[in-house]
Amino acid sequence: MPRGTKNKSVNHKKVIQERSRLMILTKLASSPVKKMSFTDLKETLGFTAGNLSVHLKYLEKVGYVSIEKRFEGNKPLTTICLTDDGYRALEEYLKEMEHIIKSLKESGGFYE
């Protein structure tokens, strides 16, 4: 996985808790090689090309994904890779969510 370049001025929890970005990072993390083509990611998540592009640019800006553009034969191929920073940030976010859910269950809250 590419290393990434963590932007210290960004609230990383806010980056991930946005639903579309969480879906993108989760999908990339669940891929055996931690990367997918733009087209596969778009079709799997059901996003429009424009919507996916906007979120990917932001995730790239904060260092959570890297975007590689090349040609395969005569066709352009864009590959999105989850960076180490992106993987760690997702992992931390999911651990925090698990803790919140566990606390809610233990408190006898509405969650079963």
N, C-alpha and C. Protein backbone atom coordinates (compact mmCIF):
# COMPACT_ATOMS: atom_id res chain seq x y z
N MET A 1 0.85 -1.19 0.00
CA MET A 1 0.00 0.00 0.00
C MET A 1 0.88 1.24 0.00
N PRO A 2 0.48 2.25 -0.74
CA PRO A 2 1.22 3.51 -0.68
C PRO A 2 1.13 4.11 0.72
N ARG A 3 2.12 4.85 1.09
CA ARG A 3 2.18 5.41 2.44
C ARG A 3 1.18 6.52 2.69
N GLY A 4 0.97 7.44 1.78
CA GLY A 4 0.07 8.55 2.01
C GLY A 4 0.81 9.73 2.61
N THR A 5 0.16 10.86 2.62
CA THR A 5 0.76 12.06 3.21
C THR A 5 -0.29 12.70 4.09
N LYS A 6 -0.24 12.36 5.35
CA LYS A 6 -1.26 12.82 6.28
C LYS A 6 -1.22 14.33 6.44
N ASN A 7 -2.36 14.95 6.25
CA ASN A 7 -2.51 16.40 6.39
C ASN A 7 -2.90 16.67 7.84
N LYS A 8 -2.02 17.31 8.59
CA LYS A 8 -2.23 17.52 10.02
C LYS A 8 -3.37 18.48 10.34
N SER A 9 -3.78 19.32 9.38
CA SER A 9 -4.83 20.31 9.65
C SER A 9 -6.23 19.78 9.41
N VAL A 10 -6.36 18.52 9.05
CA VAL A 10 -7.66 17.94 8.72
C VAL A 10 -8.18 17.14 9.91
N ASN A 11 -9.48 17.27 10.21
CA ASN A 11 -10.11 16.44 11.23
C ASN A 11 -10.42 15.10 10.56
N HIS A 12 -9.58 14.12 10.82
CA HIS A 12 -9.66 12.85 10.10
C HIS A 12 -10.94 12.07 10.40
N LYS A 13 -11.51 12.23 11.58
CA LYS A 13 -12.78 11.56 11.87
C LYS A 13 -13.89 12.11 10.99
N LYS A 14 -13.89 13.41 10.78
CA LYS A 14 -14.91 14.02 9.94
C LYS A 14 -14.78 13.58 8.49
N VAL A 15 -13.55 13.34 8.06
CA VAL A 15 -13.34 12.86 6.70
C VAL A 15 -14.03 11.52 6.51
N ILE A 16 -13.83 10.63 7.45
CA ILE A 16 -14.34 9.26 7.31
C ILE A 16 -15.82 9.14 7.62
N GLN A 17 -16.34 9.91 8.53
CA GLN A 17 -17.74 9.70 8.91
C GLN A 17 -18.73 10.15 7.84
N GLU A 18 -18.29 10.84 6.81
CA GLU A 18 -19.16 11.16 5.69
C GLU A 18 -19.45 9.84 4.98
N ARG A 19 -20.72 9.52 4.81
CA ARG A 19 -21.16 8.20 4.35
C ARG A 19 -20.45 7.74 3.07
N SER A 20 -20.40 8.57 2.06
CA SER A 20 -19.82 8.15 0.79
C SER A 20 -18.33 7.84 0.93
N ARG A 21 -17.62 8.66 1.69
CA ARG A 21 -16.18 8.41 1.87
C ARG A 21 -15.95 7.16 2.72
N LEU A 22 -16.79 6.93 3.69
CA LEU A 22 -16.71 5.70 4.49
C LEU A 22 -16.93 4.48 3.59
N MET A 23 -17.89 4.56 2.70
CA MET A 23 -18.15 3.45 1.77
C MET A 23 -16.95 3.20 0.86
N ILE A 24 -16.34 4.26 0.36
CA ILE A 24 -15.18 4.12 -0.53
C ILE A 24 -14.03 3.45 0.22
N LEU A 25 -13.70 3.96 1.39
CA LEU A 25 -12.58 3.41 2.16
C LEU A 25 -12.83 1.96 2.56
N THR A 26 -14.07 1.67 2.95
CA THR A 26 -14.42 0.30 3.36
C THR A 26 -14.30 -0.66 2.19
N LYS A 27 -14.75 -0.23 1.02
CA LYS A 27 -14.68 -1.08 -0.17
C LYS A 27 -13.22 -1.33 -0.54
N LEU A 28 -12.40 -0.30 -0.52
CA LEU A 28 -10.98 -0.48 -0.83
C LEU A 28 -10.30 -1.39 0.19
N ALA A 29 -10.61 -1.20 1.46
CA ALA A 29 -10.01 -2.00 2.53
C ALA A 29 -10.40 -3.47 2.42
N SER A 30 -11.59 -3.74 1.90
CA SER A 30 -12.05 -5.12 1.79
C SER A 30 -11.52 -5.83 0.55
N SER A 31 -10.90 -5.08 -0.34
CA SER A 31 -10.29 -5.66 -1.53
C SER A 31 -8.98 -6.35 -1.13
N PRO A 32 -8.72 -7.54 -1.64
CA PRO A 32 -7.50 -8.26 -1.24
C PRO A 32 -6.21 -7.48 -1.50
N VAL A 33 -6.20 -6.63 -2.53
CA VAL A 33 -4.99 -5.87 -2.86
C VAL A 33 -5.11 -4.39 -2.48
N LYS A 34 -6.19 -4.04 -1.79
CA LYS A 34 -6.42 -2.66 -1.30
C LYS A 34 -6.48 -1.64 -2.43
N LYS A 35 -6.92 -2.07 -3.61
CA LYS A 35 -7.09 -1.14 -4.72
C LYS A 35 -8.16 -1.66 -5.67
N MET A 36 -8.74 -0.72 -6.42
CA MET A 36 -9.78 -1.05 -7.40
C MET A 36 -9.72 -0.04 -8.53
N SER A 37 -10.24 -0.45 -9.67
CA SER A 37 -10.33 0.52 -10.76
C SER A 37 -11.46 1.50 -10.45
N PHE A 38 -11.37 2.68 -11.01
CA PHE A 38 -12.40 3.70 -10.83
C PHE A 38 -13.76 3.14 -11.25
N THR A 39 -13.78 2.47 -12.40
CA THR A 39 -15.04 1.93 -12.94
C THR A 39 -15.64 0.89 -12.01
N ASP A 40 -14.82 -0.04 -11.51
CA ASP A 40 -15.33 -1.06 -10.60
C ASP A 40 -15.84 -0.44 -9.30
N LEU A 41 -15.12 0.52 -8.78
CA LEU A 41 -15.54 1.19 -7.56
C LEU A 41 -16.86 1.92 -7.77
N LYS A 42 -16.97 2.62 -8.88
CA LYS A 42 -18.19 3.37 -9.22
C LYS A 42 -19.39 2.43 -9.34
N GLU A 43 -19.22 1.34 -10.06
CA GLU A 43 -20.32 0.40 -10.27
C GLU A 43 -20.69 -0.36 -9.00
N THR A 44 -19.69 -0.76 -8.23
CA THR A 44 -19.94 -1.49 -6.98
C THR A 44 -20.70 -0.65 -5.98
N LEU A 45 -20.33 0.63 -5.87
CA LEU A 45 -20.96 1.51 -4.89
C LEU A 45 -22.22 2.19 -5.41
N GLY A 46 -22.42 2.17 -6.73
CA GLY A 46 -23.60 2.81 -7.32
C GLY A 46 -23.50 4.33 -7.35
N PHE A 47 -22.29 4.85 -7.41
CA PHE A 47 -22.08 6.30 -7.46
C PHE A 47 -22.05 6.76 -8.91
N THR A 48 -22.31 8.04 -9.12
CA THR A 48 -22.07 8.62 -10.44
C THR A 48 -20.58 8.90 -10.54
N ALA A 49 -20.08 9.02 -11.75
CA ALA A 49 -18.66 9.31 -11.95
C ALA A 49 -18.28 10.63 -11.28
N GLY A 50 -19.13 11.63 -11.41
CA GLY A 50 -18.84 12.94 -10.83
C GLY A 50 -18.79 12.90 -9.31
N ASN A 51 -19.76 12.23 -8.70
CA ASN A 51 -19.82 12.13 -7.24
C ASN A 51 -18.59 11.38 -6.71
N LEU A 52 -18.25 10.27 -7.35
CA LEU A 52 -17.09 9.50 -6.92
C LEU A 52 -15.82 10.32 -7.08
N SER A 53 -15.69 11.03 -8.18
CA SER A 53 -14.50 11.85 -8.43
C SER A 53 -14.29 12.89 -7.34
N VAL A 54 -15.35 13.56 -6.94
CA VAL A 54 -15.26 14.59 -5.91
C VAL A 54 -14.75 14.00 -4.60
N HIS A 55 -15.31 12.87 -4.19
CA HIS A 55 -14.90 12.24 -2.93
C HIS A 55 -13.47 11.71 -3.03
N LEU A 56 -13.10 11.15 -4.17
CA LEU A 56 -11.75 10.63 -4.33
C LEU A 56 -10.71 11.74 -4.29
N LYS A 57 -11.02 12.86 -4.89
CA LYS A 57 -10.08 14.00 -4.86
C LYS A 57 -9.84 14.44 -3.42
N TYR A 58 -10.91 14.47 -2.62
CA TYR A 58 -10.77 14.88 -1.22
C TYR A 58 -9.96 13.83 -0.44
N LEU A 59 -10.27 12.55 -0.66
CA LEU A 59 -9.53 11.50 0.03
C LEU A 59 -8.06 11.49 -0.38
N GLU A 60 -7.78 11.83 -1.62
CA GLU A 60 -6.40 11.92 -2.07
C GLU A 60 -5.70 13.12 -1.41
N LYS A 61 -6.42 14.22 -1.30
CA LYS A 61 -5.86 15.44 -0.69
C LYS A 61 -5.41 15.19 0.76
N VAL A 62 -6.18 14.41 1.51
CA VAL A 62 -5.83 14.14 2.91
C VAL A 62 -4.91 12.92 3.05
N GLY A 63 -4.57 12.28 1.93
CA GLY A 63 -3.60 11.19 1.96
C GLY A 63 -4.17 9.82 2.23
N TYR A 64 -5.47 9.63 2.09
CA TYR A 64 -6.09 8.33 2.37
C TYR A 64 -6.13 7.42 1.16
N VAL A 65 -6.08 7.98 -0.03
CA VAL A 65 -6.01 7.17 -1.25
C VAL A 65 -4.96 7.79 -2.18
N SER A 66 -4.46 6.97 -3.06
CA SER A 66 -3.63 7.47 -4.16
C SER A 66 -4.34 7.09 -5.45
N ILE A 67 -4.20 7.93 -6.44
CA ILE A 67 -4.88 7.72 -7.71
C ILE A 67 -3.83 7.60 -8.80
N GLU A 68 -3.88 6.47 -9.49
CA GLU A 68 -2.92 6.20 -10.56
C GLU A 68 -3.67 6.17 -11.89
N LYS A 69 -3.21 6.98 -12.83
CA LYS A 69 -3.83 7.01 -14.16
C LYS A 69 -2.81 6.51 -15.18
N ARG A 70 -3.25 5.57 -16.00
CA ARG A 70 -2.38 5.04 -17.04
C ARG A 70 -3.23 4.51 -18.19
N PHE A 71 -2.59 4.02 -19.20
CA PHE A 71 -3.29 3.42 -20.32
C PHE A 71 -3.02 1.92 -20.34
N GLU A 72 -4.07 1.16 -20.58
CA GLU A 72 -3.95 -0.28 -20.76
C GLU A 72 -4.41 -0.55 -22.18
N GLY A 73 -3.45 -0.85 -23.05
CA GLY A 73 -3.77 -0.87 -24.47
C GLY A 73 -4.01 0.57 -24.90
N ASN A 74 -5.13 0.82 -25.50
CA ASN A 74 -5.50 2.19 -25.89
C ASN A 74 -6.54 2.80 -24.97
N LYS A 75 -6.87 2.10 -23.87
CA LYS A 75 -7.91 2.58 -22.97
C LYS A 75 -7.30 3.16 -21.70
N PRO A 76 -7.86 4.29 -21.25
CA PRO A 76 -7.38 4.84 -19.98
C PRO A 76 -7.86 3.96 -18.82
N LEU A 77 -7.02 3.81 -17.82
CA LEU A 77 -7.36 3.03 -16.64
C LEU A 77 -6.95 3.82 -15.41
N THR A 78 -7.91 4.10 -14.55
CA THR A 78 -7.64 4.81 -13.31
C THR A 78 -7.79 3.82 -12.17
N THR A 79 -6.75 3.71 -11.37
CA THR A 79 -6.75 2.79 -10.23
C THR A 79 -6.68 3.59 -8.94
N ILE A 80 -7.54 3.24 -8.00
CA ILE A 80 -7.58 3.89 -6.70
C ILE A 80 -6.98 2.94 -5.67
N CYS A 81 -5.98 3.42 -4.94
CA CYS A 81 -5.29 2.59 -3.94
C CYS A 81 -5.50 3.18 -2.55
N LEU A 82 -5.80 2.34 -1.61
CA LEU A 82 -5.89 2.75 -0.21
C LEU A 82 -4.47 2.89 0.32
N THR A 83 -4.14 4.02 0.91
CA THR A 83 -2.80 4.22 1.48
C THR A 83 -2.74 3.63 2.88
N ASP A 84 -1.53 3.50 3.39
CA ASP A 84 -1.36 3.05 4.78
C ASP A 84 -2.07 3.99 5.74
N ASP A 85 -1.94 5.30 5.50
CA ASP A 85 -2.62 6.28 6.36
C ASP A 85 -4.13 6.10 6.30
N GLY A 86 -4.66 5.85 5.12
CA GLY A 86 -6.09 5.64 4.97
C GLY A 86 -6.56 4.40 5.69
N TYR A 87 -5.78 3.34 5.59
CA TYR A 87 -6.14 2.09 6.27
C TYR A 87 -6.14 2.28 7.78
N ARG A 88 -5.09 2.93 8.28
CA ARG A 88 -5.01 3.18 9.74
C ARG A 88 -6.15 4.06 10.23
N ALA A 89 -6.47 5.09 9.47
CA ALA A 89 -7.56 5.99 9.88
C ALA A 89 -8.89 5.25 9.89
N LEU A 90 -9.13 4.42 8.89
CA LEU A 90 -10.37 3.63 8.85
C LEU A 90 -10.42 2.65 10.02
N GLU A 91 -9.30 2.01 10.28
CA GLU A 91 -9.22 1.05 11.39
C GLU A 91 -9.53 1.74 12.72
N GLU A 92 -8.93 2.90 12.96
CA GLU A 92 -9.19 3.66 14.19
C GLU A 92 -10.66 4.06 14.30
N TYR A 93 -11.22 4.53 13.19
CA TYR A 93 -12.62 4.96 13.18
C TYR A 93 -13.54 3.78 13.50
N LEU A 94 -13.28 2.63 12.89
CA LEU A 94 -14.13 1.46 13.12
C LEU A 94 -14.01 0.97 14.57
N LYS A 95 -12.81 1.02 15.13
CA LYS A 95 -12.64 0.63 16.54
C LYS A 95 -13.44 1.55 17.45
N GLU A 96 -13.43 2.83 17.15
CA GLU A 96 -14.19 3.79 17.94
C GLU A 96 -15.70 3.50 17.83
N MET A 97 -16.16 3.21 16.63
CA MET A 97 -17.59 2.89 16.44
C MET A 97 -17.97 1.61 17.18
N GLU A 98 -17.08 0.61 17.14
CA GLU A 98 -17.33 -0.64 17.87
C GLU A 98 -17.44 -0.36 19.37
N HIS A 99 -16.59 0.50 19.89
CA HIS A 99 -16.62 0.86 21.31
C HIS A 99 -17.95 1.55 21.65
N ILE A 100 -18.39 2.45 20.80
CA ILE A 100 -19.66 3.16 21.04
C ILE A 100 -20.82 2.17 21.05
N ILE A 101 -20.84 1.26 20.09
CA ILE A 101 -21.92 0.26 20.01
C ILE A 101 -21.89 -0.65 21.23
N LYS A 102 -20.71 -1.08 21.63
CA LYS A 102 -20.57 -1.94 22.81
C LYS A 102 -21.09 -1.22 24.05
N SER A 103 -20.73 0.05 24.21
CA SER A 103 -21.19 0.82 25.37
C SER A 103 -22.70 0.95 25.37
N LEU A 104 -23.27 1.17 24.23
CA LEU A 104 -24.73 1.29 24.13
C LEU A 104 -25.41 -0.02 24.48
N LYS A 105 -24.87 -1.12 24.00
CA LYS A 105 -25.44 -2.44 24.32
C LYS A 105 -25.35 -2.70 25.83
N GLU A 106 -24.21 -2.40 26.42
CA GLU A 106 -24.00 -2.67 27.84
C GLU A 106 -24.86 -1.78 28.72
N SER A 107 -25.22 -0.60 28.22
CA SER A 107 -26.03 0.31 29.03
C SER A 107 -27.51 -0.05 28.99
N GLY A 108 -27.86 -1.04 28.19
CA GLY A 108 -29.27 -1.42 28.07
C GLY A 108 -30.04 -0.44 27.21
N GLY A 109 -29.32 0.30 26.38
CA GLY A 109 -29.96 1.26 25.48
C GLY A 109 -30.84 0.56 24.45
N PHE A 110 -31.30 1.29 23.51
CA PHE A 110 -32.24 0.77 22.52
C PHE A 110 -31.61 -0.23 21.56
N TYR A 111 -30.32 -0.32 21.49
CA TYR A 111 -29.63 -1.18 20.55
C TYR A 111 -29.54 -2.59 21.13
N GLU A 112 -29.94 -3.57 20.35
CA GLU A 112 -29.88 -4.97 20.84
C GLU A 112 -28.82 -5.74 20.15
